Amino acid sequence: MKSSPRIVFTGITGLLGGYFLKGGDLNFEITGVSSKDFNISDKKKVLDFVNDLNPRIIVHAASAGNVDYCEKHPDEAYAVNVEGTRNIIEAAKKINAKIIFLSSNAIYDGDSAPYDEKKIPNPVDIYGKTKVEGEKLIIKSDLKYVILRLITMYGWPQKGGRQNPVTWMIDNLKREQRINVVNDIYNNHLWAGQAAEALWEVIRENISGVYNIAGADCISRYDLALKVAEVFGLDQSLISPVTSDFFKNIAKRPKNTCFNTSKMEKQLGIKPLSIIQGLNLMKKELESYS
């Protein structure tokens, strides 16, 4: 009996990993790995692991993804995000696996939105710089590849997973805590379920290339917070708009990294969700578990 093609998914315990598994395809066998299994900057462990499993596809989502942490620990950020990616590429070459590399809107400077796939990356922080270096390694690898540039995602994290902007807002507003939210940082926030849909589409259809993946609405983080309160029946008066200068001790963020999603729509056949649509899907998920 012919075995199903295997997918290795690094960073499986992250937000996207959870939604990817929920939308799983029985035609593929998925093996997930996280930092609890090994650090991807450990070359030998990466090579041994991938060689033993011999996957057809490697979805490389693992990264040091906290922007402020990366800014304060640049050596660690480069070790994980750049050298770790180099290790994944070397392992993939030995078995001729395809790589799907998950990148970020942090590769852009935020000065000339909306960004399509042809815009030249110009990151303003360490995290963004490491993702650009990772992309370059993938493109030069001579492997079959897909680069999915995912804009800021939201959704329900896996148990013990890191919060995202929407869950942070919900948790604080439910406790009736006042929150300060920036009104000068814009992007078209992406429900993680739609990111998983895009990922499954490129896998099933054996698509290659670079794709910017995002939601429909280019809005500020403050406007996002107002919509979160509206959908989840929380108190909007607890939300205060502030400029990004209010937060003195964090890494610089690009002002507007909204994506042009034309390529996603035309080539992947995915219509981006509005914020209200995505939040309502989150609400339905919550209701199904209660």
Protein backbone atom coordinates (compact mmCIF):
# COMPACT_ATOMS: atom_id res chain seq x y z
CA MET A 1 0.00 0.00 0.00
CA LYS A 2 1.36 3.40 -1.01
CA SER A 3 2.09 5.65 1.97
CA SER A 4 0.84 9.23 2.17
CA PRO A 5 3.35 11.98 1.43
CA ARG A 6 4.79 13.39 4.63
CA ILE A 7 4.86 17.03 5.68
CA VAL A 8 7.24 18.19 8.39
CA PHE A 9 5.99 21.37 10.06
CA THR A 10 8.48 23.28 12.21
CA GLY A 11 6.98 25.53 14.88
CA ILE A 12 3.83 23.39 15.05
CA THR A 13 2.80 24.73 18.48
CA GLY A 14 2.38 28.28 17.15
CA LEU A 15 -0.88 29.97 16.18
CA LEU A 16 -0.75 28.86 12.55
CA GLY A 17 0.20 25.30 13.48
CA GLY A 18 -3.04 24.83 15.40
CA TYR A 19 -5.21 26.02 12.53
CA PHE A 20 -3.17 24.03 10.01
CA LEU A 21 -3.83 20.83 11.95
CA LYS A 22 -7.55 21.63 12.25
CA GLY A 23 -7.79 21.93 8.48
CA GLY A 24 -5.71 18.82 7.91
CA ASP A 25 -5.85 16.68 4.79
CA LEU A 26 -5.94 12.91 5.19
CA ASN A 27 -3.94 12.56 1.97
CA PHE A 28 -0.90 13.85 3.86
CA GLU A 29 0.90 12.64 6.94
CA ILE A 30 1.93 15.54 9.18
CA THR A 31 4.82 15.47 11.64
CA GLY A 32 5.10 18.57 13.75
CA VAL A 33 8.16 19.71 15.65
CA SER A 34 8.66 22.57 18.10
CA SER A 35 11.46 24.13 20.11
CA LYS A 36 10.69 21.60 22.87
CA ASP A 37 11.94 18.88 20.51
CA PHE A 38 15.12 20.66 19.45
CA ASN A 39 16.47 24.08 18.50
CA ILE A 40 16.59 24.51 14.72
CA SER A 41 19.95 26.25 15.07
CA ASP A 42 21.34 22.81 16.04
CA LYS A 43 22.45 21.68 12.59
CA LYS A 44 23.07 18.00 13.40
CA LYS A 45 19.68 17.52 15.04
CA VAL A 46 17.91 19.18 12.13
CA LEU A 47 19.75 17.07 9.54
CA ASP A 48 19.17 13.82 11.44
CA PHE A 49 15.50 14.54 12.08
CA VAL A 50 14.65 15.48 8.51
CA ASN A 51 16.72 12.65 7.03
CA ASP A 52 14.98 10.07 9.23
CA LEU A 53 11.49 11.26 8.26
CA ASN A 54 12.25 11.95 4.58
CA PRO A 55 9.32 14.35 4.04
CA ARG A 56 8.17 15.55 0.63
CA ILE A 57 7.45 19.03 2.03
CA ILE A 58 8.91 21.05 4.91
CA VAL A 59 6.73 23.87 6.21
CA HIS A 60 9.20 26.10 8.00
CA ALA A 61 7.28 28.21 10.50
CA ALA A 62 9.68 28.05 13.46
CA SER A 63 11.29 31.35 14.36
CA ALA A 64 12.18 33.74 17.14
CA GLY A 65 9.09 35.82 16.47
CA ASN A 66 8.83 38.30 19.34
CA VAL A 67 9.93 41.59 17.76
CA ASP A 68 11.07 43.21 21.00
CA TYR A 69 12.93 40.09 22.14
CA CYS A 70 14.74 39.91 18.81
CA GLU A 71 15.75 43.57 19.09
CA LYS A 72 17.29 42.94 22.51
CA HIS A 73 18.84 39.57 21.56
CA PRO A 74 20.03 39.96 17.95
CA ASP A 75 22.53 37.09 18.08
CA GLU A 76 19.84 34.64 19.15
CA ALA A 77 17.45 36.04 16.53
CA TYR A 78 20.00 35.46 13.77
CA ALA A 79 20.93 32.01 15.10
CA VAL A 80 17.32 30.82 14.99
CA ASN A 81 15.85 32.75 12.08
CA VAL A 82 18.81 32.76 9.70
CA GLU A 83 21.11 29.88 10.66
CA GLY A 84 18.11 27.73 11.57
CA THR A 85 16.67 28.36 8.10
CA ARG A 86 20.05 27.54 6.56
CA ASN A 87 19.97 24.21 8.42
CA ILE A 88 16.46 23.44 7.17
CA ILE A 89 17.57 24.18 3.60
CA GLU A 90 20.60 21.90 3.88
CA ALA A 91 18.42 19.11 5.25
CA ALA A 92 15.89 19.62 2.45
CA LYS A 93 18.59 19.46 -0.20
CA LYS A 94 19.73 16.03 0.96
CA ILE A 95 16.26 14.59 0.32
CA ASN A 96 15.08 17.03 -2.39
CA ALA A 97 12.13 18.26 -0.33
CA LYS A 98 10.09 21.31 -1.18
CA ILE A 99 10.22 24.17 1.36
CA ILE A 100 7.34 26.41 2.33
CA PHE A 101 8.86 29.32 4.22
CA LEU A 102 6.63 31.50 6.37
CA SER A 103 7.76 35.10 6.27
CA SER A 104 6.28 38.33 7.58
CA ASN A 105 5.07 41.85 6.87
CA ALA A 106 8.03 42.93 9.03
CA ILE A 107 10.21 42.73 5.90
CA TYR A 108 8.70 46.05 4.72
CA ASP A 109 9.51 49.56 5.97
CA GLY A 110 5.90 50.74 6.19
CA ASP A 111 6.44 53.83 4.04
CA SER A 112 4.81 52.81 0.74
CA ALA A 113 1.76 50.61 1.35
CA PRO A 114 -0.02 48.72 -0.02
CA TYR A 115 2.75 46.18 -0.60
CA ASP A 116 2.62 43.65 -3.39
CA GLU A 117 5.09 40.83 -3.91
CA LYS A 118 7.33 42.95 -6.16
CA LYS A 119 8.04 45.62 -3.55
CA ILE A 120 11.64 45.48 -2.36
CA PRO A 121 11.96 44.52 1.32
CA ASN A 122 13.44 47.17 3.61
CA PRO A 123 12.96 46.11 7.25
CA VAL A 124 13.25 48.53 10.16
CA ASP A 125 13.93 46.03 12.97
CA ILE A 126 16.09 42.99 13.71
CA TYR A 127 13.23 40.53 13.35
CA GLY A 128 12.36 41.85 9.89
CA LYS A 129 16.01 41.75 8.85
CA THR A 130 16.30 38.09 9.85
CA LYS A 131 13.19 37.21 7.85
CA VAL A 132 14.62 38.94 4.77
CA GLU A 133 17.84 36.96 5.16
CA GLY A 134 15.80 33.78 5.47
CA GLU A 135 13.91 34.59 2.28
CA LYS A 136 17.17 35.19 0.42
CA LEU A 137 18.51 31.82 1.51
CA ILE A 138 15.34 30.09 0.32
CA ILE A 139 15.35 31.82 -3.08
CA LYS A 140 19.02 30.99 -3.68
CA SER A 141 18.68 27.37 -2.54
CA ASP A 142 17.76 25.86 -5.96
CA LEU A 143 14.98 23.97 -4.17
CA LYS A 144 11.30 24.10 -5.04
CA TYR A 145 9.86 26.66 -2.66
CA VAL A 146 6.96 28.84 -1.61
CA ILE A 147 7.32 31.97 0.49
CA LEU A 148 4.14 33.03 2.26
CA ARG A 149 4.44 36.50 3.76
CA LEU A 150 1.84 36.46 6.51
CA ILE A 151 0.67 39.76 7.93
CA THR A 152 -0.11 40.05 11.68
CA MET A 153 -2.34 37.11 12.55
CA TYR A 154 -5.06 36.64 15.13
CA GLY A 155 -7.02 33.64 16.38
CA TRP A 156 -7.19 31.27 19.34
CA PRO A 157 -3.72 30.02 20.28
CA GLN A 158 -3.03 26.43 21.18
CA LYS A 159 -2.88 25.55 24.85
CA GLY A 160 0.11 27.36 26.38
CA GLY A 161 0.61 29.32 23.16
CA ARG A 162 1.58 32.96 22.87
CA GLN A 163 -1.15 35.57 22.78
CA ASN A 164 -1.81 37.68 19.71
CA PRO A 165 -3.29 41.20 19.52
CA VAL A 166 -6.91 40.05 19.50
CA THR A 167 -6.68 37.57 22.37
CA TRP A 168 -4.74 40.14 24.41
CA MET A 169 -7.53 42.66 23.82
CA ILE A 170 -10.26 40.16 24.71
CA ASP A 171 -8.55 39.04 27.91
CA ASN A 172 -7.99 42.57 29.17
CA LEU A 173 -11.42 43.91 28.23
CA LYS A 174 -13.13 40.91 29.84
CA ARG A 175 -11.33 41.81 33.07
CA GLU A 176 -12.51 45.41 32.57
CA GLN A 177 -8.92 46.60 32.29
CA ARG A 178 -8.21 49.81 30.41
CA ILE A 179 -5.95 49.26 27.40
CA ASN A 180 -3.83 51.68 25.38
CA VAL A 181 -3.78 50.78 21.69
CA VAL A 182 -1.79 52.47 18.94
CA ASN A 183 -3.73 54.39 16.32
CA ASP A 184 -0.83 54.98 13.92
CA ILE A 185 0.18 51.40 13.04
CA TYR A 186 -1.82 49.88 10.19
CA ASN A 187 -2.15 46.49 8.59
CA ASN A 188 -4.82 44.19 7.19
CA HIS A 189 -4.92 41.73 10.08
CA LEU A 190 -5.21 38.08 9.10
CA TRP A 191 -7.38 35.43 10.75
CA ALA A 192 -5.08 32.43 11.23
CA GLY A 193 -7.70 30.10 9.77
CA GLN A 194 -7.40 31.88 6.44
CA ALA A 195 -3.61 31.71 6.63
CA ALA A 196 -3.94 27.94 7.09
CA GLU A 197 -6.30 27.82 4.10
CA ALA A 198 -3.66 29.54 1.95
CA LEU A 199 -1.01 27.13 3.19
CA TRP A 200 -3.11 24.09 2.39
CA GLU A 201 -3.91 25.51 -1.05
CA VAL A 202 -0.24 25.81 -2.05
CA ILE A 203 0.39 22.29 -0.75
CA ARG A 204 -2.52 20.59 -2.51
CA GLU A 205 -2.03 22.41 -5.79
CA ASN A 206 1.78 22.13 -5.72
CA ILE A 207 2.11 25.90 -6.17
CA SER A 208 5.44 27.73 -6.07
CA GLY A 209 6.43 31.39 -5.71
CA VAL A 210 6.00 34.28 -3.31
CA TYR A 211 2.63 35.34 -1.91
CA ASN A 212 1.52 38.13 0.41
CA ILE A 213 -1.30 36.80 2.58
CA ALA A 214 -3.59 39.18 4.48
CA GLY A 215 -7.16 40.12 5.36
CA ALA A 216 -9.33 42.63 3.53
CA ASP A 217 -9.34 45.66 5.84
CA CYS A 218 -6.38 48.02 6.19
CA ILE A 219 -7.02 49.50 9.63
CA SER A 220 -5.15 50.71 12.70
CA ARG A 221 -4.60 48.56 15.76
CA TYR A 222 -6.95 50.91 17.64
CA ASP A 223 -9.74 50.39 15.10
CA LEU A 224 -9.14 46.65 15.39
CA ALA A 225 -9.66 46.91 19.15
CA LEU A 226 -12.97 48.72 18.66
CA LYS A 227 -14.17 45.95 16.33
CA VAL A 228 -13.04 43.27 18.81
CA ALA A 229 -15.13 44.96 21.51
CA GLU A 230 -18.10 45.22 19.13
CA VAL A 231 -18.07 41.55 18.10
CA PHE A 232 -17.41 40.12 21.57
CA GLY A 233 -19.77 42.49 23.41
CA LEU A 234 -17.04 44.23 25.42
CA ASP A 235 -16.74 47.81 26.66
CA GLN A 236 -15.27 50.10 24.00
CA SER A 237 -14.84 52.92 26.54
CA LEU A 238 -11.96 50.95 28.08
CA ILE A 239 -9.92 51.39 24.89
CA SER A 240 -7.71 54.48 24.65
CA PRO A 241 -5.97 55.51 21.40
CA VAL A 242 -2.27 56.38 21.68
CA THR A 243 0.54 56.94 19.21
CA SER A 244 3.37 54.46 18.96
CA ASP A 245 5.63 57.01 20.71
CA PHE A 246 3.66 56.23 23.88
CA PHE A 247 5.55 52.94 24.16
CA LYS A 248 9.16 53.94 24.77
CA ASN A 249 10.78 50.59 25.40
CA ILE A 250 9.81 48.57 22.35
CA ALA A 251 11.38 48.07 18.94
CA LYS A 252 10.43 50.43 16.14
CA ARG A 253 7.46 49.19 14.09
CA PRO A 254 6.77 50.03 10.45
CA LYS A 255 3.78 52.40 10.27
CA ASN A 256 1.75 50.81 7.50
CA THR A 257 2.46 47.37 6.07
CA CYS A 258 -0.94 46.72 4.50
CA PHE A 259 -0.75 44.20 1.66
CA ASN A 260 -2.12 44.21 -1.84
CA THR A 261 -3.78 40.77 -1.95
CA SER A 262 -4.45 40.59 -5.71
CA LYS A 263 -2.04 37.71 -6.27
CA MET A 264 -3.49 35.74 -3.36
CA GLU A 265 -6.98 36.24 -4.78
CA LYS A 266 -6.18 35.48 -8.42
CA GLN A 267 -3.64 32.65 -8.12
CA LEU A 268 -4.76 30.98 -4.89
CA GLY A 269 -8.46 31.70 -5.31
CA ILE A 270 -8.75 33.03 -1.76
CA LYS A 271 -10.93 36.04 -1.04
CA PRO A 272 -9.58 37.92 2.01
CA LEU A 273 -11.88 38.11 5.01
CA SER A 274 -12.94 41.39 6.56
CA ILE A 275 -12.07 41.96 10.22
CA ILE A 276 -15.71 41.49 11.20
CA GLN A 277 -15.88 38.20 9.30
CA GLY A 278 -12.69 36.90 10.91
CA LEU A 279 -13.71 37.95 14.40
CA ASN A 280 -17.11 36.34 13.98
CA LEU A 281 -15.40 33.10 12.98
CA MET A 282 -13.32 33.36 16.16
CA LYS A 283 -16.50 33.90 18.15
CA LYS A 284 -18.09 30.82 16.57
CA GLU A 285 -15.02 28.78 17.50
CA LEU A 286 -15.33 29.94 21.09
CA GLU A 287 -19.03 29.06 21.21
CA SER A 288 -18.35 25.57 19.86
CA TYR A 289 -15.99 24.86 22.77
CA SER A 290 -18.25 26.32 25.49
